[in-house]
Amino acid sequence: MLERVLAAVTDAVPRVVVGPPELRVPAGVLVTREEPPGGGPVAGTAAGLALVPERGVAQVALFAADLPLLDAGAVAVLRAALGTADVALFVDDGGRRQSMCAIWRAGALRSGLRRLAGSPEGLSGVPMRALLDGPAVAEVGWTGAGPPPWFDCDTDADLRRAEEWTDERT
């Protein structure tokens, strides 16, 4: 699944994965770890963003590694939707924001992380929705053909469902 996510953002520089140091990734992809390990997606976002230069990078793609249906077309939809917003993200049919399937303005993401890091607890365990309190959000409904790109695989049943959808596409 990670390979598919990385393939969806082949034009991104740098490409950063947050995970264990022994993780195997393609050449040129950077790997880092959140502090503490297992500290959650906000801590992971901060660790990954620390490897992104502050100058010369206007947008940051923020995707979970378990999105087997994400492709470059879905990334392009988010980029186009960003407009003047701070972040563009997909929303599902129930209106739930898919915060780990988003394109951010780099400065807005850095500001949000600084705001959250100022709490006594730091970033460990902070929910992603806290990062979305404040920035201008462009919510994007999925209108593309087939299943939504934010579908993540947390269980074996999820993986089987994603494989069925992928088989139907081909």
N, C-alpha and C. Protein backbone atom coordinates (compact mmCIF):
# COMPACT_ATOMS: atom_id res chain seq x y z
N MET A 1 0.82 -1.19 0.00
CA MET A 1 0.00 0.00 0.00
C MET A 1 0.86 1.26 0.00
N LEU A 2 1.95 1.23 0.76
CA LEU A 2 2.85 2.37 0.81
C LEU A 2 3.38 2.70 -0.58
N GLU A 3 3.70 1.68 -1.36
CA GLU A 3 4.21 1.92 -2.71
C GLU A 3 3.18 2.66 -3.56
N ARG A 4 1.92 2.32 -3.41
CA ARG A 4 0.86 3.00 -4.18
C ARG A 4 0.75 4.46 -3.76
N VAL A 5 0.83 4.73 -2.48
CA VAL A 5 0.76 6.11 -2.01
C VAL A 5 1.95 6.90 -2.55
N LEU A 6 3.14 6.33 -2.46
CA LEU A 6 4.32 7.01 -2.99
C LEU A 6 4.23 7.22 -4.50
N ALA A 7 3.63 6.28 -5.21
CA ALA A 7 3.46 6.43 -6.66
C ALA A 7 2.50 7.57 -6.99
N ALA A 8 1.56 7.85 -6.11
CA ALA A 8 0.59 8.93 -6.34
C ALA A 8 1.24 10.31 -6.23
N VAL A 9 2.41 10.38 -5.60
CA VAL A 9 3.09 11.66 -5.41
C VAL A 9 4.54 11.59 -5.91
N THR A 10 4.72 10.98 -7.07
CA THR A 10 6.09 10.82 -7.60
C THR A 10 6.76 12.16 -7.87
N ASP A 11 5.98 13.22 -8.08
CA ASP A 11 6.56 14.53 -8.37
C ASP A 11 6.90 15.32 -7.12
N ALA A 12 6.59 14.79 -5.96
CA ALA A 12 6.86 15.50 -4.70
C ALA A 12 8.35 15.44 -4.37
N VAL A 13 8.88 16.56 -3.90
CA VAL A 13 10.29 16.62 -3.48
C VAL A 13 10.35 17.47 -2.22
N PRO A 14 10.83 16.90 -1.14
CA PRO A 14 11.18 15.50 -0.95
C PRO A 14 9.93 14.66 -0.68
N ARG A 15 10.08 13.36 -0.82
CA ARG A 15 9.04 12.43 -0.37
C ARG A 15 9.53 11.86 0.95
N VAL A 16 8.67 11.93 1.96
CA VAL A 16 9.04 11.53 3.32
C VAL A 16 8.02 10.52 3.83
N VAL A 17 8.52 9.46 4.44
CA VAL A 17 7.67 8.46 5.08
C VAL A 17 8.01 8.45 6.56
N VAL A 18 6.98 8.46 7.39
CA VAL A 18 7.18 8.36 8.83
C VAL A 18 6.88 6.92 9.23
N GLY A 19 7.88 6.27 9.79
CA GLY A 19 7.73 4.87 10.18
C GLY A 19 9.02 4.36 10.76
N PRO A 20 9.08 3.06 11.01
CA PRO A 20 10.29 2.49 11.61
C PRO A 20 11.49 2.63 10.68
N PRO A 21 12.68 2.79 11.25
CA PRO A 21 13.87 3.03 10.43
C PRO A 21 14.20 1.89 9.48
N GLU A 22 13.76 0.68 9.78
CA GLU A 22 14.06 -0.46 8.90
C GLU A 22 13.08 -0.58 7.73
N LEU A 23 12.14 0.34 7.64
CA LEU A 23 11.17 0.33 6.56
C LEU A 23 11.86 0.43 5.21
N ARG A 24 11.47 -0.41 4.28
CA ARG A 24 12.06 -0.40 2.94
C ARG A 24 11.26 0.55 2.05
N VAL A 25 11.95 1.52 1.49
CA VAL A 25 11.31 2.51 0.62
C VAL A 25 12.16 2.68 -0.64
N PRO A 26 11.56 3.23 -1.70
CA PRO A 26 12.33 3.46 -2.93
C PRO A 26 13.48 4.44 -2.69
N ALA A 27 14.47 4.39 -3.56
CA ALA A 27 15.60 5.30 -3.49
C ALA A 27 15.10 6.74 -3.53
N GLY A 28 15.71 7.58 -2.71
CA GLY A 28 15.36 8.99 -2.67
C GLY A 28 14.26 9.34 -1.69
N VAL A 29 13.56 8.34 -1.16
CA VAL A 29 12.50 8.60 -0.17
C VAL A 29 13.15 8.62 1.21
N LEU A 30 12.85 9.66 1.97
CA LEU A 30 13.40 9.80 3.31
C LEU A 30 12.50 9.11 4.32
N VAL A 31 13.09 8.55 5.36
CA VAL A 31 12.33 7.89 6.43
C VAL A 31 12.69 8.54 7.74
N THR A 32 11.68 8.83 8.54
CA THR A 32 11.89 9.39 9.87
C THR A 32 10.89 8.75 10.82
N ARG A 33 11.01 9.03 12.09
CA ARG A 33 10.13 8.44 13.10
C ARG A 33 9.58 9.54 13.98
N GLU A 34 8.31 9.42 14.35
CA GLU A 34 7.72 10.38 15.27
C GLU A 34 8.26 10.16 16.68
N GLU A 35 8.17 11.21 17.49
CA GLU A 35 8.65 11.14 18.87
C GLU A 35 7.49 11.44 19.80
N PRO A 36 7.16 10.52 20.67
CA PRO A 36 7.72 9.18 20.82
C PRO A 36 7.19 8.27 19.72
N PRO A 37 7.89 7.15 19.45
CA PRO A 37 7.37 6.20 18.48
C PRO A 37 5.96 5.77 18.86
N GLY A 38 5.06 5.79 17.89
CA GLY A 38 3.67 5.48 18.17
C GLY A 38 2.89 6.66 18.71
N GLY A 39 3.48 7.87 18.62
CA GLY A 39 2.86 9.08 19.17
C GLY A 39 1.66 9.59 18.41
N GLY A 40 1.34 8.97 17.28
CA GLY A 40 0.14 9.34 16.55
C GLY A 40 0.41 10.19 15.33
N PRO A 41 -0.66 10.48 14.59
CA PRO A 41 -0.49 11.15 13.29
C PRO A 41 -0.02 12.60 13.38
N VAL A 42 -0.37 13.32 14.42
CA VAL A 42 0.11 14.71 14.51
C VAL A 42 1.61 14.71 14.81
N ALA A 43 2.03 13.85 15.73
CA ALA A 43 3.47 13.73 16.01
C ALA A 43 4.21 13.25 14.76
N GLY A 44 3.60 12.34 14.01
CA GLY A 44 4.20 11.87 12.76
C GLY A 44 4.28 12.96 11.72
N THR A 45 3.24 13.78 11.64
CA THR A 45 3.24 14.89 10.70
C THR A 45 4.37 15.85 11.02
N ALA A 46 4.57 16.15 12.29
CA ALA A 46 5.65 17.05 12.70
C ALA A 46 7.02 16.45 12.35
N ALA A 47 7.18 15.17 12.57
CA ALA A 47 8.46 14.52 12.26
C ALA A 47 8.73 14.55 10.76
N GLY A 48 7.72 14.27 9.97
CA GLY A 48 7.90 14.30 8.52
C GLY A 48 8.16 15.70 8.01
N LEU A 49 7.41 16.66 8.52
CA LEU A 49 7.57 18.04 8.06
C LEU A 49 8.94 18.60 8.43
N ALA A 50 9.55 18.09 9.49
CA ALA A 50 10.88 18.54 9.88
C ALA A 50 11.92 18.25 8.79
N LEU A 51 11.65 17.31 7.90
CA LEU A 51 12.58 16.99 6.82
C LEU A 51 12.27 17.74 5.52
N VAL A 52 11.24 18.57 5.55
CA VAL A 52 10.85 19.35 4.38
C VAL A 52 11.44 20.75 4.52
N PRO A 53 12.19 21.22 3.53
CA PRO A 53 12.78 22.56 3.63
C PRO A 53 11.72 23.63 3.84
N GLU A 54 12.04 24.62 4.65
CA GLU A 54 11.09 25.71 4.90
C GLU A 54 10.99 26.65 3.71
N ARG A 55 12.01 26.70 2.90
CA ARG A 55 11.98 27.55 1.70
C ARG A 55 11.84 26.66 0.46
N GLY A 56 11.06 27.17 -0.48
CA GLY A 56 10.94 26.49 -1.76
C GLY A 56 9.88 25.40 -1.83
N VAL A 57 9.21 25.12 -0.73
CA VAL A 57 8.13 24.13 -0.73
C VAL A 57 6.85 24.84 -0.32
N ALA A 58 5.94 24.99 -1.28
CA ALA A 58 4.71 25.73 -1.01
C ALA A 58 3.59 24.84 -0.49
N GLN A 59 3.57 23.59 -0.95
CA GLN A 59 2.49 22.68 -0.56
C GLN A 59 3.07 21.38 -0.03
N VAL A 60 2.32 20.76 0.86
CA VAL A 60 2.71 19.48 1.45
C VAL A 60 1.55 18.52 1.29
N ALA A 61 1.80 17.38 0.68
CA ALA A 61 0.81 16.32 0.58
C ALA A 61 0.91 15.46 1.84
N LEU A 62 -0.20 15.27 2.51
CA LEU A 62 -0.22 14.52 3.76
C LEU A 62 -1.17 13.34 3.59
N PHE A 63 -0.59 12.14 3.45
CA PHE A 63 -1.37 10.94 3.20
C PHE A 63 -0.98 9.83 4.15
N ALA A 64 -1.97 9.09 4.62
CA ALA A 64 -1.70 7.88 5.38
C ALA A 64 -1.03 6.87 4.44
N ALA A 65 -0.32 5.93 5.01
CA ALA A 65 0.39 4.94 4.19
C ALA A 65 -0.50 3.78 3.79
N ASP A 66 -1.72 3.71 4.33
CA ASP A 66 -2.59 2.57 4.05
C ASP A 66 -3.78 2.94 3.17
N LEU A 67 -3.49 3.71 2.11
CA LEU A 67 -4.52 4.15 1.16
C LEU A 67 -4.29 3.48 -0.19
N PRO A 68 -4.68 2.23 -0.36
CA PRO A 68 -4.35 1.52 -1.59
C PRO A 68 -5.06 2.03 -2.84
N LEU A 69 -6.07 2.89 -2.68
CA LEU A 69 -6.82 3.38 -3.83
C LEU A 69 -6.43 4.80 -4.22
N LEU A 70 -5.51 5.40 -3.48
CA LEU A 70 -5.04 6.75 -3.80
C LEU A 70 -4.25 6.69 -5.12
N ASP A 71 -4.48 7.67 -5.98
CA ASP A 71 -3.71 7.74 -7.21
C ASP A 71 -3.43 9.21 -7.54
N ALA A 72 -2.65 9.42 -8.57
CA ALA A 72 -2.25 10.78 -8.95
C ALA A 72 -3.46 11.63 -9.32
N GLY A 73 -4.50 11.03 -9.87
CA GLY A 73 -5.70 11.78 -10.21
C GLY A 73 -6.37 12.37 -8.98
N ALA A 74 -6.46 11.60 -7.91
CA ALA A 74 -7.06 12.09 -6.67
C ALA A 74 -6.20 13.21 -6.07
N VAL A 75 -4.89 13.06 -6.16
CA VAL A 75 -3.98 14.11 -5.66
C VAL A 75 -4.19 15.39 -6.46
N ALA A 76 -4.36 15.27 -7.77
CA ALA A 76 -4.61 16.43 -8.62
C ALA A 76 -5.92 17.12 -8.25
N VAL A 77 -6.94 16.35 -7.90
CA VAL A 77 -8.22 16.94 -7.47
C VAL A 77 -8.00 17.79 -6.22
N LEU A 78 -7.24 17.28 -5.27
CA LEU A 78 -6.96 18.05 -4.05
C LEU A 78 -6.15 19.31 -4.35
N ARG A 79 -5.14 19.17 -5.18
CA ARG A 79 -4.32 20.34 -5.53
C ARG A 79 -5.17 21.43 -6.17
N ALA A 80 -6.05 21.04 -7.07
CA ALA A 80 -6.92 22.01 -7.75
C ALA A 80 -7.89 22.66 -6.78
N ALA A 81 -8.33 21.92 -5.77
CA ALA A 81 -9.30 22.43 -4.81
C ALA A 81 -8.67 23.36 -3.77
N LEU A 82 -7.36 23.34 -3.64
CA LEU A 82 -6.71 24.13 -2.59
C LEU A 82 -7.03 25.62 -2.73
N GLY A 83 -6.98 26.14 -3.95
CA GLY A 83 -7.33 27.55 -4.15
C GLY A 83 -6.64 28.45 -3.15
N THR A 84 -7.43 29.22 -2.42
CA THR A 84 -6.87 30.13 -1.41
C THR A 84 -6.95 29.55 0.00
N ALA A 85 -7.41 28.31 0.11
CA ALA A 85 -7.52 27.67 1.43
C ALA A 85 -6.14 27.30 1.96
N ASP A 86 -6.11 26.93 3.23
CA ASP A 86 -4.87 26.46 3.86
C ASP A 86 -4.67 24.96 3.64
N VAL A 87 -5.79 24.25 3.51
CA VAL A 87 -5.74 22.80 3.34
C VAL A 87 -6.95 22.38 2.50
N ALA A 88 -6.72 21.41 1.63
CA ALA A 88 -7.81 20.78 0.88
C ALA A 88 -7.80 19.31 1.26
N LEU A 89 -8.97 18.81 1.63
CA LEU A 89 -9.08 17.41 2.01
C LEU A 89 -10.40 16.84 1.55
N PHE A 90 -10.42 15.53 1.42
CA PHE A 90 -11.65 14.86 1.04
C PHE A 90 -12.57 14.74 2.25
N VAL A 91 -13.88 14.74 1.98
CA VAL A 91 -14.88 14.42 2.99
C VAL A 91 -15.69 13.24 2.46
N ASP A 92 -16.07 12.35 3.35
CA ASP A 92 -16.84 11.19 2.91
C ASP A 92 -18.32 11.55 2.82
N ASP A 93 -19.13 10.58 2.45
CA ASP A 93 -20.56 10.82 2.27
C ASP A 93 -21.25 11.28 3.54
N GLY A 94 -20.68 10.98 4.69
CA GLY A 94 -21.23 11.41 5.96
C GLY A 94 -20.71 12.77 6.42
N GLY A 95 -19.88 13.41 5.59
CA GLY A 95 -19.33 14.71 5.94
C GLY A 95 -18.10 14.66 6.83
N ARG A 96 -17.57 13.47 7.07
CA ARG A 96 -16.36 13.34 7.91
C ARG A 96 -15.13 13.70 7.10
N ARG A 97 -14.32 14.57 7.69
CA ARG A 97 -13.08 15.00 7.05
C ARG A 97 -12.05 13.88 7.06
N GLN A 98 -11.45 13.66 5.93
CA GLN A 98 -10.41 12.65 5.79
C GLN A 98 -9.05 13.35 5.91
N SER A 99 -8.67 13.62 7.15
CA SER A 99 -7.51 14.47 7.42
C SER A 99 -6.18 13.87 7.00
N MET A 100 -6.15 12.57 6.78
CA MET A 100 -4.91 11.93 6.33
C MET A 100 -4.93 11.68 4.82
N CYS A 101 -5.70 12.50 4.14
CA CYS A 101 -5.77 12.47 2.67
C CYS A 101 -5.97 13.92 2.24
N ALA A 102 -4.87 14.70 2.31
CA ALA A 102 -4.98 16.15 2.19
C ALA A 102 -3.75 16.77 1.56
N ILE A 103 -3.96 17.98 1.03
CA ILE A 103 -2.87 18.84 0.56
C ILE A 103 -2.91 20.10 1.41
N TRP A 104 -1.80 20.45 2.00
CA TRP A 104 -1.68 21.62 2.88
C TRP A 104 -0.78 22.68 2.25
N ARG A 105 -1.03 23.92 2.57
CA ARG A 105 -0.02 24.96 2.36
C ARG A 105 1.01 24.74 3.46
N ALA A 106 2.27 24.70 3.07
CA ALA A 106 3.33 24.36 4.03
C ALA A 106 3.32 25.29 5.24
N GLY A 107 3.17 26.59 5.01
CA GLY A 107 3.18 27.54 6.13
C GLY A 107 2.04 27.31 7.09
N ALA A 108 0.86 27.00 6.58
CA ALA A 108 -0.30 26.75 7.44
C ALA A 108 -0.10 25.49 8.27
N LEU A 109 0.48 24.46 7.67
CA LEU A 109 0.74 23.23 8.42
C LEU A 109 1.77 23.48 9.51
N ARG A 110 2.82 24.20 9.18
CA ARG A 110 3.83 24.51 10.21
C ARG A 110 3.22 25.33 11.34
N SER A 111 2.38 26.30 11.01
CA SER A 111 1.74 27.13 12.04
C SER A 111 0.85 26.29 12.94
N GLY A 112 0.07 25.40 12.34
CA GLY A 112 -0.80 24.54 13.14
C GLY A 112 -0.03 23.64 14.08
N LEU A 113 1.08 23.10 13.59
CA LEU A 113 1.90 22.24 14.44
C LEU A 113 2.54 23.02 15.58
N ARG A 114 3.01 24.23 15.29
CA ARG A 114 3.58 25.08 16.36
C ARG A 114 2.53 25.38 17.42
N ARG A 115 1.30 25.69 16.98
CA ARG A 115 0.21 25.99 17.92
C ARG A 115 -0.04 24.80 18.84
N LEU A 116 -0.10 23.61 18.28
CA LEU A 116 -0.38 22.42 19.08
C LEU A 116 0.81 22.01 19.95
N ALA A 117 2.01 22.25 19.47
CA ALA A 117 3.21 21.86 20.23
C ALA A 117 3.34 22.68 21.51
N GLY A 118 2.67 23.82 21.55
CA GLY A 118 2.75 24.67 22.74
C GLY A 118 1.97 24.15 23.92
N SER A 119 1.21 23.09 23.78
CA SER A 119 0.45 22.55 24.91
C SER A 119 1.38 21.75 25.81
N PRO A 120 1.01 21.60 27.08
CA PRO A 120 1.87 20.84 28.00
C PRO A 120 2.09 19.40 27.57
N GLU A 121 1.13 18.81 26.85
CA GLU A 121 1.25 17.42 26.43
C GLU A 121 2.11 17.25 25.19
N GLY A 122 2.38 18.34 24.48
CA GLY A 122 3.12 18.24 23.23
C GLY A 122 2.23 17.66 22.14
N LEU A 123 2.81 16.99 21.17
CA LEU A 123 2.07 16.49 20.02
C LEU A 123 1.65 15.03 20.13
N SER A 124 2.21 14.30 21.07
CA SER A 124 1.89 12.89 21.21
C SER A 124 0.42 12.70 21.58
N GLY A 125 -0.26 11.90 20.79
CA GLY A 125 -1.65 11.57 21.07
C GLY A 125 -2.67 12.62 20.65
N VAL A 126 -2.21 13.73 20.08
CA VAL A 126 -3.13 14.78 19.65
C VAL A 126 -3.89 14.29 18.41
N PRO A 127 -5.21 14.42 18.39
CA PRO A 127 -5.97 13.98 17.21
C PRO A 127 -5.78 14.93 16.03
N MET A 128 -5.87 14.40 14.83
CA MET A 128 -5.71 15.21 13.62
C MET A 128 -6.74 16.33 13.54
N ARG A 129 -7.95 16.11 14.06
CA ARG A 129 -8.97 17.17 13.99
C ARG A 129 -8.51 18.43 14.71
N ALA A 130 -7.63 18.30 15.70
CA ALA A 130 -7.11 19.48 16.40
C ALA A 130 -6.26 20.33 15.46
N LEU A 131 -5.57 19.68 14.54
CA LEU A 131 -4.74 20.39 13.57
C LEU A 131 -5.62 21.18 12.60
N LEU A 132 -6.85 20.74 12.42
CA LEU A 132 -7.78 21.39 11.49
C LEU A 132 -8.58 22.51 12.15
N ASP A 133 -8.38 22.75 13.44
CA ASP A 133 -9.04 23.87 14.12
C ASP A 133 -8.27 25.14 13.82
N GLY A 134 -8.81 25.98 12.97
CA GLY A 134 -8.14 27.25 12.68
C GLY A 134 -7.90 27.51 11.21
N PRO A 135 -7.25 26.59 10.49
CA PRO A 135 -6.97 26.89 9.08
C PRO A 135 -8.24 26.88 8.23
N ALA A 136 -8.17 27.59 7.10
CA ALA A 136 -9.27 27.57 6.13
C ALA A 136 -9.21 26.24 5.39
N VAL A 137 -10.30 25.49 5.46
CA VAL A 137 -10.34 24.14 4.90
C VAL A 137 -11.25 24.10 3.67
N ALA A 138 -10.73 23.57 2.58
CA ALA A 138 -11.54 23.30 1.39
C ALA A 138 -11.92 21.82 1.45
N GLU A 139 -13.20 21.55 1.65
CA GLU A 139 -13.69 20.18 1.72
C GLU A 139 -14.09 19.72 0.33
N VAL A 140 -13.61 18.54 -0.05
CA VAL A 140 -13.82 18.02 -1.39
C VAL A 140 -14.56 16.68 -1.30
N GLY A 141 -15.72 16.61 -1.93
CA GLY A 141 -16.43 15.34 -2.03
C GLY A 141 -15.88 14.56 -3.20
N TRP A 142 -15.87 13.25 -3.09
CA TRP A 142 -15.34 12.42 -4.17
C TRP A 142 -16.41 12.21 -5.22
N THR A 143 -16.11 12.64 -6.43
CA THR A 143 -17.04 12.47 -7.54
C THR A 143 -16.45 11.60 -8.64
N GLY A 144 -15.26 11.09 -8.40
CA GLY A 144 -14.60 10.27 -9.40
C GLY A 144 -15.26 8.90 -9.55
N ALA A 145 -14.88 8.20 -10.59
CA ALA A 145 -15.38 6.85 -10.80
C ALA A 145 -14.75 5.91 -9.79
N GLY A 146 -15.54 5.00 -9.28
CA GLY A 146 -15.00 3.99 -8.39
C GLY A 146 -14.96 4.42 -6.95
N PRO A 147 -14.30 3.60 -6.13
CA PRO A 147 -14.26 3.83 -4.69
C PRO A 147 -13.42 5.06 -4.33
N PRO A 148 -13.64 5.59 -3.14
CA PRO A 148 -12.94 6.81 -2.73
C PRO A 148 -11.46 6.58 -2.45
N PRO A 149 -10.64 7.56 -2.76
CA PRO A 149 -9.19 7.42 -2.56
C PRO A 149 -8.77 7.41 -1.10
N TRP A 150 -9.64 7.84 -0.20
CA TRP A 150 -9.28 7.86 1.22
C TRP A 150 -9.57 6.54 1.92
N PHE A 151 -10.08 5.55 1.21
CA PHE A 151 -10.38 4.27 1.83
C PHE A 151 -9.09 3.68 2.39
N ASP A 152 -9.06 3.48 3.70
CA ASP A 152 -7.85 2.94 4.33
C ASP A 152 -8.09 1.52 4.78
N CYS A 153 -7.02 0.78 4.89
CA CYS A 153 -7.09 -0.64 5.24
C CYS A 153 -6.57 -0.85 6.65
N ASP A 154 -7.52 -1.02 7.57
CA ASP A 154 -7.16 -1.27 8.96
C ASP A 154 -7.34 -2.74 9.35
N THR A 155 -8.08 -3.49 8.53
CA THR A 155 -8.36 -4.89 8.84
C THR A 155 -8.15 -5.74 7.59
N ASP A 156 -8.13 -7.04 7.77
CA ASP A 156 -8.04 -7.96 6.62
C ASP A 156 -9.24 -7.79 5.71
N ALA A 157 -10.42 -7.56 6.29
CA ALA A 157 -11.63 -7.36 5.49
C ALA A 157 -11.50 -6.10 4.63
N ASP A 158 -10.92 -5.04 5.19
CA ASP A 158 -10.69 -3.81 4.41
C ASP A 158 -9.77 -4.10 3.24
N LEU A 159 -8.72 -4.86 3.49
CA LEU A 159 -7.76 -5.18 2.43
C LEU A 159 -8.43 -6.00 1.33
N ARG A 160 -9.24 -6.98 1.70
CA ARG A 160 -9.96 -7.78 0.69
C ARG A 160 -10.89 -6.89 -0.13
N ARG A 161 -11.58 -5.97 0.52
CA ARG A 161 -12.49 -5.07 -0.20
C ARG A 161 -11.70 -4.19 -1.18
N ALA A 162 -10.58 -3.65 -0.75
CA ALA A 162 -9.74 -2.83 -1.64
C ALA A 162 -9.23 -3.65 -2.82
N GLU A 163 -8.83 -4.90 -2.58
CA GLU A 163 -8.37 -5.76 -3.66
C GLU A 163 -9.49 -6.01 -4.66
N GLU A 164 -10.72 -6.22 -4.17
CA GLU A 164 -11.86 -6.41 -5.08
C GLU A 164 -12.08 -5.19 -5.94
N TRP A 165 -12.03 -4.01 -5.32
CA TRP A 165 -12.23 -2.76 -6.07
C TRP A 165 -11.12 -2.59 -7.12
N THR A 166 -9.89 -2.91 -6.72
CA THR A 166 -8.76 -2.77 -7.64
C THR A 166 -8.93 -3.73 -8.82
N ASP A 167 -9.36 -4.96 -8.54
CA ASP A 167 -9.59 -5.94 -9.61
C ASP A 167 -10.68 -5.45 -10.57
N GLU A 168 -11.71 -4.80 -10.03
CA GLU A 168 -12.80 -4.29 -10.87
C GLU A 168 -12.32 -3.18 -11.78
N ARG A 169 -11.34 -2.40 -11.35
CA ARG A 169 -10.79 -1.29 -12.15
C ARG A 169 -10.03 -1.79 -13.36
N THR A 170 -9.39 -2.95 -13.22
CA THR A 170 -8.53 -3.45 -14.30
C THR A 170 -9.26 -4.37 -15.24
